[in-house]
């Protein structure tokens, strides 16, 4: 019976504390809610950290794309300024030939 009386005593003590300290309990609940909103809310700390991580990732992607754009611009400039480079690309990428040239296809037997 002692255990049951202690449980009732704890709940009774808590109820009595709340009854006589309503303002304190409301202030505590208010601050708990405020802290919860600060950490977990839409504009909370966790959301801010997540958005900062996304921002870093997007900045990395932008840098990679800018580097790629720069390389392609260099390639364009090289093609505009050099006939030999233009011819080389035309042959490699598009299989183009000069008039009168013959193309021989070499087949390698990989079974030997």
PDB file of N, CA and C in Angstrom:
ATOM      1  N   UNK A   1       0.809  -1.196   0.000  1.00  0.00           N
ATOM      2  CA  UNK A   1       0.000   0.000   0.000  1.00  0.00           C
ATOM      3  C   UNK A   1       0.851   1.258   0.000  1.00  0.00           C
ATOM      4  N   UNK A   2       2.036   1.130   0.494  1.00  0.00           N
ATOM      5  CA  UNK A   2       2.913   2.295   0.591  1.00  0.00           C
ATOM      6  C   UNK A   2       3.216   2.839  -0.801  1.00  0.00           C
ATOM      7  N   UNK A   3       3.479   1.936  -1.810  1.00  0.00           N
ATOM      8  CA  UNK A   3       3.784   2.353  -3.170  1.00  0.00           C
ATOM      9  C   UNK A   3       2.630   3.115  -3.805  1.00  0.00           C
ATOM     10  N   UNK A   4       1.436   2.640  -3.659  1.00  0.00           N
ATOM     11  CA  UNK A   4       0.248   3.291  -4.201  1.00  0.00           C
ATOM     12  C   UNK A   4       0.062   4.661  -3.586  1.00  0.00           C
ATOM     13  N   UNK A   5       0.347   4.774  -2.303  1.00  0.00           N
ATOM     14  CA  UNK A   5       0.194   6.049  -1.614  1.00  0.00           C
ATOM     15  C   UNK A   5       1.251   7.048  -2.081  1.00  0.00           C
ATOM     16  N   UNK A   6       2.465   6.551  -2.386  1.00  0.00           N
ATOM     17  CA  UNK A   6       3.522   7.430  -2.872  1.00  0.00           C
ATOM     18  C   UNK A   6       3.170   7.962  -4.253  1.00  0.00           C
ATOM     19  N   UNK A   7       2.614   7.116  -5.126  1.00  0.00           N
ATOM     20  CA  UNK A   7       2.221   7.557  -6.470  1.00  0.00           C
ATOM     21  C   UNK A   7       1.135   8.610  -6.354  1.00  0.00           C
ATOM     22  N   UNK A   8       0.146   8.336  -5.550  1.00  0.00           N
ATOM     23  CA  UNK A   8      -0.916   9.324  -5.361  1.00  0.00           C
ATOM     24  C   UNK A   8      -0.325  10.601  -4.789  1.00  0.00           C
ATOM     25  N   UNK A   9       0.639  10.460  -3.908  1.00  0.00           N
ATOM     26  CA  UNK A   9       1.264  11.621  -3.297  1.00  0.00           C
ATOM     27  C   UNK A   9       2.009  12.469  -4.308  1.00  0.00           C
ATOM     28  N   UNK A  10       2.708  11.832  -5.270  1.00  0.00           N
ATOM     29  CA  UNK A  10       3.455  12.558  -6.285  1.00  0.00           C
ATOM     30  C   UNK A  10       2.492  13.312  -7.190  1.00  0.00           C
ATOM     31  N   UNK A  11       1.449  12.610  -7.662  1.00  0.00           N
ATOM     32  CA  UNK A  11       0.476  13.261  -8.534  1.00  0.00           C
ATOM     33  C   UNK A  11      -0.278  14.354  -7.784  1.00  0.00           C
ATOM     34  N   UNK A  12      -0.566  14.100  -6.548  1.00  0.00           N
ATOM     35  CA  UNK A  12      -1.247  15.109  -5.739  1.00  0.00           C
ATOM     36  C   UNK A  12      -0.346  16.321  -5.548  1.00  0.00           C
ATOM     37  N   UNK A  13       0.929  16.077  -5.307  1.00  0.00           N
ATOM     38  CA  UNK A  13       1.874  17.187  -5.141  1.00  0.00           C
ATOM     39  C   UNK A  13       1.996  18.001  -6.427  1.00  0.00           C
ATOM     40  N   UNK A  14       2.045  17.317  -7.557  1.00  0.00           N
ATOM     41  CA  UNK A  14       2.138  18.011  -8.847  1.00  0.00           C
ATOM     42  C   UNK A  14       0.882  18.825  -9.094  1.00  0.00           C
ATOM     43  N   UNK A  15      -0.286  18.233  -8.835  1.00  0.00           N
ATOM     44  CA  UNK A  15      -1.555  18.943  -9.020  1.00  0.00           C
ATOM     45  C   UNK A  15      -1.622  20.160  -8.105  1.00  0.00           C
ATOM     46  N   UNK A  16      -1.196  20.001  -6.892  1.00  0.00           N
ATOM     47  CA  UNK A  16      -1.213  21.100  -5.924  1.00  0.00           C
ATOM     48  C   UNK A  16      -0.248  22.215  -6.376  1.00  0.00           C
ATOM     49  N   UNK A  17       0.941  21.825  -6.864  1.00  0.00           N
ATOM     50  CA  UNK A  17       1.915  22.816  -7.351  1.00  0.00           C
ATOM     51  C   UNK A  17       1.325  23.622  -8.504  1.00  0.00           C
ATOM     52  N   UNK A  18       0.703  22.901  -9.463  1.00  0.00           N
ATOM     53  CA  UNK A  18       0.102  23.574 -10.623  1.00  0.00           C
ATOM     54  C   UNK A  18      -1.029  24.495 -10.173  1.00  0.00           C
ATOM     55  N   UNK A  19      -1.852  24.026  -9.229  1.00  0.00           N
ATOM     56  CA  UNK A  19      -3.001  24.809  -8.763  1.00  0.00           C
ATOM     57  C   UNK A  19      -2.548  26.128  -8.135  1.00  0.00           C
ATOM     58  N   UNK A  20      -1.498  26.087  -7.339  1.00  0.00           N
ATOM     59  CA  UNK A  20      -1.081  27.287  -6.625  1.00  0.00           C
ATOM     60  C   UNK A  20      -0.040  28.118  -7.374  1.00  0.00           C
ATOM     61  N   UNK A  21       0.487  27.582  -8.482  1.00  0.00           N
ATOM     62  CA  UNK A  21       1.505  28.305  -9.267  1.00  0.00           C
ATOM     63  C   UNK A  21       1.115  28.331 -10.745  1.00  0.00           C
ATOM     64  N   UNK A  22      -0.112  28.660 -11.031  1.00  0.00           N
ATOM     65  CA  UNK A  22      -0.618  28.644 -12.403  1.00  0.00           C
ATOM     66  C   UNK A  22       0.208  29.573 -13.288  1.00  0.00           C
ATOM     67  N   UNK A  23       0.504  30.759 -12.806  1.00  0.00           N
ATOM     68  CA  UNK A  23       1.262  31.718 -13.623  1.00  0.00           C
ATOM     69  C   UNK A  23       2.650  31.183 -13.959  1.00  0.00           C
ATOM     70  N   UNK A  24       3.315  30.579 -12.988  1.00  0.00           N
ATOM     71  CA  UNK A  24       4.639  30.008 -13.225  1.00  0.00           C
ATOM     72  C   UNK A  24       4.564  28.877 -14.251  1.00  0.00           C
ATOM     73  N   UNK A  25       3.570  28.025 -14.118  1.00  0.00           N
ATOM     74  CA  UNK A  25       3.395  26.907 -15.056  1.00  0.00           C
ATOM     75  C   UNK A  25       3.129  27.446 -16.462  1.00  0.00           C
ATOM     76  N   UNK A  26       2.301  28.489 -16.588  1.00  0.00           N
ATOM     77  CA  UNK A  26       2.027  29.075 -17.902  1.00  0.00           C
ATOM     78  C   UNK A  26       3.285  29.692 -18.509  1.00  0.00           C
ATOM     79  N   UNK A  27       4.087  30.352 -17.690  1.00  0.00           N
ATOM     80  CA  UNK A  27       5.339  30.939 -18.178  1.00  0.00           C
ATOM     81  C   UNK A  27       6.279  29.834 -18.647  1.00  0.00           C
ATOM     82  N   UNK A  28       6.383  28.761 -17.887  1.00  0.00           N
ATOM     83  CA  UNK A  28       7.243  27.631 -18.269  1.00  0.00           C
ATOM     84  C   UNK A  28       6.757  27.015 -19.579  1.00  0.00           C
ATOM     85  N   UNK A  29       5.449  26.799 -19.717  1.00  0.00           N
ATOM     86  CA  UNK A  29       4.894  26.239 -20.956  1.00  0.00           C
ATOM     87  C   UNK A  29       5.133  27.178 -22.138  1.00  0.00           C
ATOM     88  N   UNK A  30       4.998  28.487 -21.890  1.00  0.00           N
ATOM     89  CA  UNK A  30       5.249  29.464 -22.945  1.00  0.00           C
ATOM     90  C   UNK A  30       6.694  29.362 -23.436  1.00  0.00           C
ATOM     91  N   UNK A  31       7.635  29.306 -22.509  1.00  0.00           N
ATOM     92  CA  UNK A  31       9.040  29.223 -22.904  1.00  0.00           C
ATOM     93  C   UNK A  31       9.376  27.893 -23.570  1.00  0.00           C
ATOM     94  N   UNK A  32       8.755  26.830 -23.128  1.00  0.00           N
ATOM     95  CA  UNK A  32       8.961  25.533 -23.796  1.00  0.00           C
ATOM     96  C   UNK A  32       8.458  25.616 -25.234  1.00  0.00           C
ATOM     97  N   UNK A  33       7.290  26.218 -25.436  1.00  0.00           N
ATOM     98  CA  UNK A  33       6.762  26.399 -26.800  1.00  0.00           C
ATOM     99  C   UNK A  33       7.646  27.289 -27.635  1.00  0.00           C
ATOM    100  N   UNK A  34       8.139  28.367 -27.040  1.00  0.00           N
ATOM    101  CA  UNK A  34       9.012  29.299 -27.748  1.00  0.00           C
ATOM    102  C   UNK A  34      10.314  28.622 -28.187  1.00  0.00           C
ATOM    103  N   UNK A  35      10.892  27.865 -27.273  1.00  0.00           N
ATOM    104  CA  UNK A  35      12.129  27.137 -27.601  1.00  0.00           C
ATOM    105  C   UNK A  35      11.868  26.093 -28.685  1.00  0.00           C
ATOM    106  N   UNK A  36      10.736  25.405 -28.597  1.00  0.00           N
ATOM    107  CA  UNK A  36      10.392  24.408 -29.623  1.00  0.00           C
ATOM    108  C   UNK A  36      10.264  25.064 -30.992  1.00  0.00           C
ATOM    109  N   UNK A  37       9.603  26.212 -31.050  1.00  0.00           N
ATOM    110  CA  UNK A  37       9.454  26.910 -32.329  1.00  0.00           C
ATOM    111  C   UNK A  37      10.809  27.386 -32.847  1.00  0.00           C
ATOM    112  N   UNK A  38      11.677  27.814 -31.959  1.00  0.00           N
ATOM    113  CA  UNK A  38      13.000  28.303 -32.356  1.00  0.00           C
ATOM    114  C   UNK A  38      13.834  27.178 -32.965  1.00  0.00           C
ATOM    115  N   UNK A  39      13.714  25.995 -32.408  1.00  0.00           N
ATOM    116  CA  UNK A  39      14.526  24.876 -32.891  1.00  0.00           C
ATOM    117  C   UNK A  39      13.862  24.166 -34.067  1.00  0.00           C
ATOM    118  N   UNK A  40      12.566  23.860 -33.945  1.00  0.00           N
ATOM    119  CA  UNK A  40      11.910  22.985 -34.918  1.00  0.00           C
ATOM    120  C   UNK A  40      10.989  23.700 -35.897  1.00  0.00           C
ATOM    121  N   UNK A  41      10.739  24.985 -35.750  1.00  0.00           N
ATOM    122  CA  UNK A  41       9.785  25.700 -36.590  1.00  0.00           C
ATOM    123  C   UNK A  41      10.263  25.877 -38.016  1.00  0.00           C
ATOM    124  N   UNK A  42       9.390  26.495 -38.844  1.00  0.00           N
ATOM    125  CA  UNK A  42       9.690  26.754 -40.255  1.00  0.00           C
ATOM    126  C   UNK A  42      10.947  27.583 -40.432  1.00  0.00           C
ATOM    127  N   UNK A  43      11.155  28.526 -39.557  1.00  0.00           N
ATOM    128  CA  UNK A  43      12.341  29.370 -39.635  1.00  0.00           C
ATOM    129  C   UNK A  43      13.280  29.058 -38.475  1.00  0.00           C
ATOM    130  N   UNK A  44      13.222  27.827 -38.019  1.00  0.00           N
ATOM    131  CA  UNK A  44      14.018  27.414 -36.870  1.00  0.00           C
ATOM    132  C   UNK A  44      15.454  27.090 -37.219  1.00  0.00           C
ATOM    133  N   UNK A  45      16.184  26.738 -36.197  1.00  0.00           N
ATOM    134  CA  UNK A  45      17.613  26.455 -36.334  1.00  0.00           C
ATOM    135  C   UNK A  45      17.863  25.255 -37.242  1.00  0.00           C
ATOM    136  N   UNK A  46      17.089  24.190 -37.071  1.00  0.00           N
ATOM    137  CA  UNK A  46      17.297  22.995 -37.897  1.00  0.00           C
ATOM    138  C   UNK A  46      17.024  23.291 -39.371  1.00  0.00           C
ATOM    139  N   UNK A  47      15.960  24.044 -39.641  1.00  0.00           N
ATOM    140  CA  UNK A  47      15.638  24.416 -41.021  1.00  0.00           C
ATOM    141  C   UNK A  47      16.747  25.275 -41.611  1.00  0.00           C
ATOM    142  N   UNK A  48      17.280  26.195 -40.822  1.00  0.00           N
ATOM    143  CA  UNK A  48      18.355  27.065 -41.294  1.00  0.00           C
ATOM    144  C   UNK A  48      19.595  26.251 -41.648  1.00  0.00           C
ATOM    145  N   UNK A  49      19.939  25.281 -40.811  1.00  0.00           N
ATOM    146  CA  UNK A  49      21.104  24.433 -41.078  1.00  0.00           C
ATOM    147  C   UNK A  49      20.901  23.644 -42.367  1.00  0.00           C
ATOM    148  N   UNK A  50      19.694  23.126 -42.560  1.00  0.00           N
ATOM    149  CA  UNK A  50      19.386  22.353 -43.768  1.00  0.00           C
ATOM    150  C   UNK A  50      19.518  23.237 -45.006  1.00  0.00           C
ATOM    151  N   UNK A  51      18.984  24.460 -44.931  1.00  0.00           N
ATOM    152  CA  UNK A  51      19.054  25.367 -46.073  1.00  0.00           C
ATOM    153  C   UNK A  51      20.490  25.801 -46.360  1.00  0.00           C
ATOM    154  N   UNK A  52      21.301  25.983 -45.334  1.00  0.00           N
ATOM    155  CA  UNK A  52      22.708  26.335 -45.543  1.00  0.00           C
ATOM    156  C   UNK A  52      23.448  25.204 -46.240  1.00  0.00           C
ATOM    157  N   UNK A  53      23.144  23.973 -45.872  1.00  0.00           N
ATOM    158  CA  UNK A  53      23.768  22.813 -46.522  1.00  0.00           C
ATOM    159  C   UNK A  53      23.361  22.750 -47.998  1.00  0.00           C
ATOM    160  N   UNK A  54      22.078  22.984 -48.282  1.00  0.00           N
ATOM    161  CA  UNK A  54      21.608  23.005 -49.668  1.00  0.00           C
ATOM    162  C   UNK A  54      22.297  24.117 -50.456  1.00  0.00           C
ATOM    163  N   UNK A  55      22.461  25.282 -49.819  1.00  0.00           N
ATOM    164  CA  UNK A  55      23.114  26.412 -50.467  1.00  0.00           C
ATOM    165  C   UNK A  55      24.544  26.057 -50.848  1.00  0.00           C
ATOM    166  N   UNK A  56      25.272  25.413 -49.937  1.00  0.00           N
ATOM    167  CA  UNK A  56      26.651  25.011 -50.231  1.00  0.00           C
ATOM    168  C   UNK A  56      26.696  24.048 -51.406  1.00  0.00           C
ATOM    169  N   UNK A  57      25.768  23.095 -51.431  1.00  0.00           N
ATOM    170  CA  UNK A  57      25.723  22.112 -52.508  1.00  0.00           C
ATOM    171  C   UNK A  57      25.427  22.798 -53.844  1.00  0.00           C
ATOM    172  N   UNK A  58      24.481  23.728 -53.838  1.00  0.00           N
ATOM    173  CA  UNK A  58      24.146  24.446 -55.072  1.00  0.00           C
ATOM    174  C   UNK A  58      25.301  25.329 -55.532  1.00  0.00           C
ATOM    175  N   UNK A  59      26.021  25.931 -54.597  1.00  0.00           N
ATOM    176  CA  UNK A  59      27.181  26.737 -54.971  1.00  0.00           C
ATOM    177  C   UNK A  59      28.263  25.875 -55.615  1.00  0.00           C
ATOM    178  N   UNK A  60      28.441  24.650 -55.116  1.00  0.00           N
ATOM    179  CA  UNK A  60      29.403  23.730 -55.735  1.00  0.00           C
ATOM    180  C   UNK A  60      28.983  23.407 -57.161  1.00  0.00           C
ATOM    181  N   UNK A  61      27.681  23.133 -57.346  1.00  0.00           N
ATOM    182  CA  UNK A  61      27.174  22.816 -58.688  1.00  0.00           C
ATOM    183  C   UNK A  61      27.357  24.001 -59.629  1.00  0.00           C
ATOM    184  N   UNK A  62      27.087  25.209 -59.132  1.00  0.00           N
ATOM    185  CA  UNK A  62      27.264  26.408 -59.958  1.00  0.00           C
ATOM    186  C   UNK A  62      28.721  26.553 -60.370  1.00  0.00           C
ATOM    187  N   UNK A  63      29.642  26.328 -59.435  1.00  0.00           N
ATOM    188  CA  UNK A  63      31.071  26.436 -59.753  1.00  0.00           C
ATOM    189  C   UNK A  63      31.464  25.419 -60.822  1.00  0.00           C
ATOM    190  N   UNK A  64      30.971  24.177 -60.683  1.00  0.00           N
ATOM    191  CA  UNK A  64      31.278  23.156 -61.693  1.00  0.00           C
ATOM    192  C   UNK A  64      30.736  23.552 -63.062  1.00  0.00           C
ATOM    193  N   UNK A  65      29.517  24.079 -63.094  1.00  0.00           N
ATOM    194  CA  UNK A  65      28.921  24.483 -64.366  1.00  0.00           C
ATOM    195  C   UNK A  65      29.662  25.675 -64.976  1.00  0.00           C
ATOM    196  N   UNK A  66      30.109  26.608 -64.132  1.00  0.00           N
ATOM    197  CA  UNK A  66      30.879  27.742 -64.643  1.00  0.00           C
ATOM    198  C   UNK A  66      32.216  27.287 -65.221  1.00  0.00           C
ATOM    199  N   UNK A  67      32.858  26.321 -64.545  1.00  0.00           N
ATOM    200  CA  UNK A  67      34.116  25.768 -65.063  1.00  0.00           C
ATOM    201  C   UNK A  67      33.891  25.079 -66.407  1.00  0.00           C
ATOM    202  N   UNK A  68      32.801  24.323 -66.497  1.00  0.00           N
ATOM    203  CA  UNK A  68      32.474  23.626 -67.739  1.00  0.00           C
ATOM    204  C   UNK A  68      32.199  24.635 -68.856  1.00  0.00           C
ATOM    205  N   UNK A  69      31.486  25.697 -68.517  1.00  0.00           N
ATOM    206  CA  UNK A  69      31.192  26.753 -69.498  1.00  0.00           C
ATOM    207  C   UNK A  69      32.473  27.411 -69.987  1.00  0.00           C
ATOM    208  N   UNK A  70      33.389  27.645 -69.067  1.00  0.00           N
ATOM    209  CA  UNK A  70      34.673  28.258 -69.432  1.00  0.00           C
ATOM    210  C   UNK A  70      35.456  27.351 -70.383  1.00  0.00           C
ATOM    211  N   UNK A  71      35.473  26.049 -70.100  1.00  0.00           N
ATOM    212  CA  UNK A  71      36.170  25.104 -70.969  1.00  0.00           C
ATOM    213  C   UNK A  71      35.540  25.083 -72.362  1.00  0.00           C
ATOM    214  N   UNK A  72      34.204  25.077 -72.400  1.00  0.00           N
ATOM    215  CA  UNK A  72      33.529  25.062 -73.695  1.00  0.00           C
ATOM    216  C   UNK A  72      33.777  26.353 -74.466  1.00  0.00           C
ATOM    217  N   UNK A  73      33.842  27.484 -73.765  1.00  0.00           N
ATOM    218  CA  UNK A  73      34.123  28.756 -74.432  1.00  0.00           C
ATOM    219  C   UNK A  73      35.536  28.751 -75.021  1.00  0.00           C
ATOM    220  N   UNK A  74      36.488  28.160 -74.289  1.00  0.00           N
ATOM    221  CA  UNK A  74      37.852  28.042 -74.808  1.00  0.00           C
ATOM    222  C   UNK A  74      37.866  27.180 -76.069  1.00  0.00           C
ATOM    223  N   UNK A  75      37.085  26.089 -76.042  1.00  0.00           N
ATOM    224  CA  UNK A  75      37.000  25.196 -77.205  1.00  0.00           C
ATOM    225  C   UNK A  75      36.395  25.934 -78.396  1.00  0.00           C
ATOM    226  N   UNK A  76      35.367  26.729 -78.146  1.00  0.00           N
ATOM    227  CA  UNK A  76      34.746  27.519 -79.222  1.00  0.00           C
ATOM    228  C   UNK A  76      35.756  28.496 -79.816  1.00  0.00           C
ATOM    229  N   UNK A  77      36.487  29.180 -78.952  1.00  0.00           N
ATOM    230  CA  UNK A  77      37.501  30.126 -79.424  1.00  0.00           C
ATOM    231  C   UNK A  77      38.572  29.423 -80.241  1.00  0.00           C
ATOM    232  N   UNK A  78      38.989  28.238 -79.790  1.00  0.00           N
ATOM    233  CA  UNK A  78      40.004  27.471 -80.520  1.00  0.00           C
ATOM    234  C   UNK A  78      39.475  27.060 -81.890  1.00  0.00           C
ATOM    235  N   UNK A  79      38.200  26.660 -81.953  1.00  0.00           N
ATOM    236  CA  UNK A  79      37.617  26.254 -83.234  1.00  0.00           C
ATOM    237  C   UNK A  79      37.477  27.442 -84.182  1.00  0.00           C
ATOM    238  N   UNK A  80      37.175  28.617 -83.630  1.00  0.00           N
ATOM    239  CA  UNK A  80      37.025  29.811 -84.482  1.00  0.00           C
ATOM    240  C   UNK A  80      38.368  30.297 -85.015  1.00  0.00           C
ATOM    241  N   UNK A  81      39.421  30.101 -84.247  1.00  0.00           N
ATOM    242  CA  UNK A  81      40.712  30.668 -84.631  1.00  0.00           C
ATOM    243  C   UNK A  81      41.632  29.699 -85.362  1.00  0.00           C
ATOM    244  N   UNK A  82      41.353  28.407 -85.331  1.00  0.00           N
ATOM    245  CA  UNK A  82      42.277  27.441 -85.908  1.00  0.00           C
ATOM    246  C   UNK A  82      41.547  26.501 -86.864  1.00  0.00           C
ATOM    247  N   UNK A  83      41.934  26.592 -88.128  1.00  0.00           N
ATOM    248  CA  UNK A  83      41.347  25.694 -89.134  1.00  0.00           C
ATOM    249  C   UNK A  83      41.718  24.238 -88.853  1.00  0.00           C
ATOM    250  N   UNK A  84      42.949  24.018 -88.402  1.00  0.00           N
ATOM    251  CA  UNK A  84      43.385  22.635 -88.151  1.00  0.00           C
ATOM    252  C   UNK A  84      42.595  22.022 -86.992  1.00  0.00           C
ATOM    253  N   UNK A  85      42.310  22.817 -85.978  1.00  0.00           N
ATOM    254  CA  UNK A  85      41.525  22.306 -84.843  1.00  0.00           C
ATOM    255  C   UNK A  85      40.090  22.007 -85.284  1.00  0.00           C
ATOM    256  N   UNK A  86      39.537  22.871 -86.132  1.00  0.00           N
ATOM    257  CA  UNK A  86      38.195  22.661 -86.652  1.00  0.00           C
ATOM    258  C   UNK A  86      38.143  21.376 -87.479  1.00  0.00           C
ATOM    259  N   UNK A  87      39.156  21.181 -88.302  1.00  0.00           N
ATOM    260  CA  UNK A  87      39.226  19.969 -89.119  1.00  0.00           C
ATOM    261  C   UNK A  87      39.355  18.722 -88.232  1.00  0.00           C
ATOM    262  N   UNK A  88      40.184  18.814 -87.215  1.00  0.00           N
ATOM    263  CA  UNK A  88      40.389  17.685 -86.299  1.00  0.00           C
ATOM    264  C   UNK A  88      39.075  17.280 -85.625  1.00  0.00           C
ATOM    265  N   UNK A  89      38.331  18.256 -85.141  1.00  0.00           N
ATOM    266  CA  UNK A  89      37.050  17.965 -84.479  1.00  0.00           C
ATOM    267  C   UNK A  89      36.055  17.394 -85.476  1.00  0.00           C
ATOM    268  N   UNK A  90      36.014  17.945 -86.675  1.00  0.00           N
ATOM    269  CA  UNK A  90      35.092  17.453 -87.701  1.00  0.00           C
ATOM    270  C   UNK A  90      35.387  15.989 -88.033  1.00  0.00           C
ATOM    271  N   UNK A  91      36.668  15.641 -88.091  1.00  0.00           N
ATOM    272  CA  UNK A  91      37.029  14.263 -88.397  1.00  0.00           C
ATOM    273  C   UNK A  91      36.700  13.321 -87.236  1.00  0.00           C
ATOM    274  N   UNK A  92      37.064  13.726 -86.013  1.00  0.00           N
ATOM    275  CA  UNK A  92      36.889  12.849 -84.848  1.00  0.00           C
ATOM    276  C   UNK A  92      35.419  12.665 -84.459  1.00  0.00           C
ATOM    277  N   UNK A  93      34.729  13.767 -84.329  1.00  0.00           N
ATOM    278  CA  UNK A  93      33.367  13.692 -83.798  1.00  0.00           C
ATOM    279  C   UNK A  93      32.325  13.347 -84.852  1.00  0.00           C
ATOM    280  N   UNK A  94      32.537  13.828 -86.076  1.00  0.00           N
ATOM    281  CA  UNK A  94      31.488  13.680 -87.079  1.00  0.00           C
ATOM    282  C   UNK A  94      31.882  12.774 -88.239  1.00  0.00           C
ATOM    283  N   UNK A  95      33.088  12.232 -88.195  1.00  0.00           N
ATOM    284  CA  UNK A  95      33.518  11.293 -89.234  1.00  0.00           C
ATOM    285  C   UNK A  95      33.615  11.921 -90.620  1.00  0.00           C
ATOM    286  N   UNK A  96      33.869  13.201 -90.693  1.00  0.00           N
ATOM    287  CA  UNK A  96      33.948  13.894 -91.981  1.00  0.00           C
ATOM    288  C   UNK A  96      35.313  13.649 -92.629  1.00  0.00           C
ATOM    289  N   UNK A  97      35.331  13.756 -93.942  1.00  0.00           N
ATOM    290  CA  UNK A  97      36.573  13.572 -94.697  1.00  0.00           C
ATOM    291  C   UNK A  97      36.706  14.674 -95.735  1.00  0.00           C
ATOM    292  N   UNK A  98      37.909  14.788 -96.253  1.00  0.00           N
ATOM    293  CA  UNK A  98      38.136  15.716 -97.369  1.00  0.00           C
ATOM    294  C   UNK A  98      37.707  15.017 -98.651  1.00  0.00           C
ATOM    295  N   UNK A  99      37.462  15.816 -99.669  1.00  0.00           N
ATOM    296  CA  UNK A  99      37.098  15.233-100.967  1.00  0.00           C
ATOM    297  C   UNK A  99      38.222  14.328-101.457  1.00  0.00           C
ATOM    298  N   UNK A 100      37.856  13.134-101.897  1.00  0.00           N
ATOM    299  CA  UNK A 100      38.825  12.205-102.458  1.00  0.00           C
ATOM    300  C   UNK A 100      39.479  11.286-101.432  1.00  0.00           C
ATOM    301  N   UNK A 101      39.282  11.521-100.160  1.00  0.00           N
ATOM    302  CA  UNK A 101      39.879  10.637 -99.139  1.00  0.00           C
ATOM    303  C   UNK A 101      39.058   9.363 -99.025  1.00  0.00           C
ATOM    304  N   UNK A 102      39.754   8.292 -98.705  1.00  0.00           N
ATOM    305  CA  UNK A 102      39.079   7.023 -98.484  1.00  0.00           C
ATOM    306  C   UNK A 102      39.226   6.666 -97.006  1.00  0.00           C
ATOM    307  N   UNK A 103      38.166   6.084 -96.461  1.00  0.00           N
ATOM    308  CA  UNK A 103      38.194   5.681 -95.057  1.00  0.00           C
ATOM    309  C   UNK A 103      38.258   4.167 -95.004  1.00  0.00           C
ATOM    310  N   UNK A 104      39.192   3.679 -94.219  1.00  0.00           N
ATOM    311  CA  UNK A 104      39.324   2.258 -94.014  1.00  0.00           C
ATOM    312  C   UNK A 104      38.952   1.942 -92.571  1.00  0.00           C
ATOM    313  N   UNK A 105      38.107   0.956 -92.406  1.00  0.00           N
ATOM    314  CA  UNK A 105      37.682   0.568 -91.078  1.00  0.00           C
ATOM    315  C   UNK A 105      38.492  -0.676 -90.675  1.00  0.00           C
ATOM    316  N   UNK A 106      39.185  -0.570 -89.552  1.00  0.00           N
ATOM    317  CA  UNK A 106      40.012  -1.659 -89.079  1.00  0.00           C
ATOM    318  C   UNK A 106      39.186  -2.445 -88.055  1.00  0.00           C
ATOM    319  N   UNK A 107      39.039  -3.722 -88.319  1.00  0.00           N
ATOM    320  CA  UNK A 107      38.293  -4.582 -87.404  1.00  0.00           C
ATOM    321  C   UNK A 107      39.296  -5.465 -86.694  1.00  0.00           C
ATOM    322  N   UNK A 108      39.269  -5.428 -85.392  1.00  0.00           N
ATOM    323  CA  UNK A 108      40.178  -6.222 -84.578  1.00  0.00           C
ATOM    324  C   UNK A 108      39.403  -7.410 -84.038  1.00  0.00           C
ATOM    325  N   UNK A 109      39.937  -8.588 -84.295  1.00  0.00           N
ATOM    326  CA  UNK A 109      39.285  -9.809 -83.802  1.00  0.00           C
ATOM    327  C   UNK A 109      39.720 -10.039 -82.358  1.00  0.00           C
ATOM    328  N   UNK A 110      38.809  -9.877 -81.453  1.00  0.00           N
ATOM    329  CA  UNK A 110      39.138 -10.004 -80.034  1.00  0.00           C
ATOM    330  C   UNK A 110      39.063 -11.444 -79.535  1.00  0.00           C
ATOM    331  N   UNK A 111      38.679 -12.380 -80.387  1.00  0.00           N
ATOM    332  CA  UNK A 111      38.579 -13.768 -79.959  1.00  0.00           C
ATOM    333  C   UNK A 111      39.924 -14.481 -79.977  1.00  0.00           C
ATOM    334  N   UNK A 112      40.927 -13.889 -80.569  1.00  0.00           N
ATOM    335  CA  UNK A 112      42.262 -14.527 -80.652  1.00  0.00           C
ATOM    336  C   UNK A 112      43.087 -14.180 -79.464  1.00  0.00           C
TER     337      UNK A 112
END
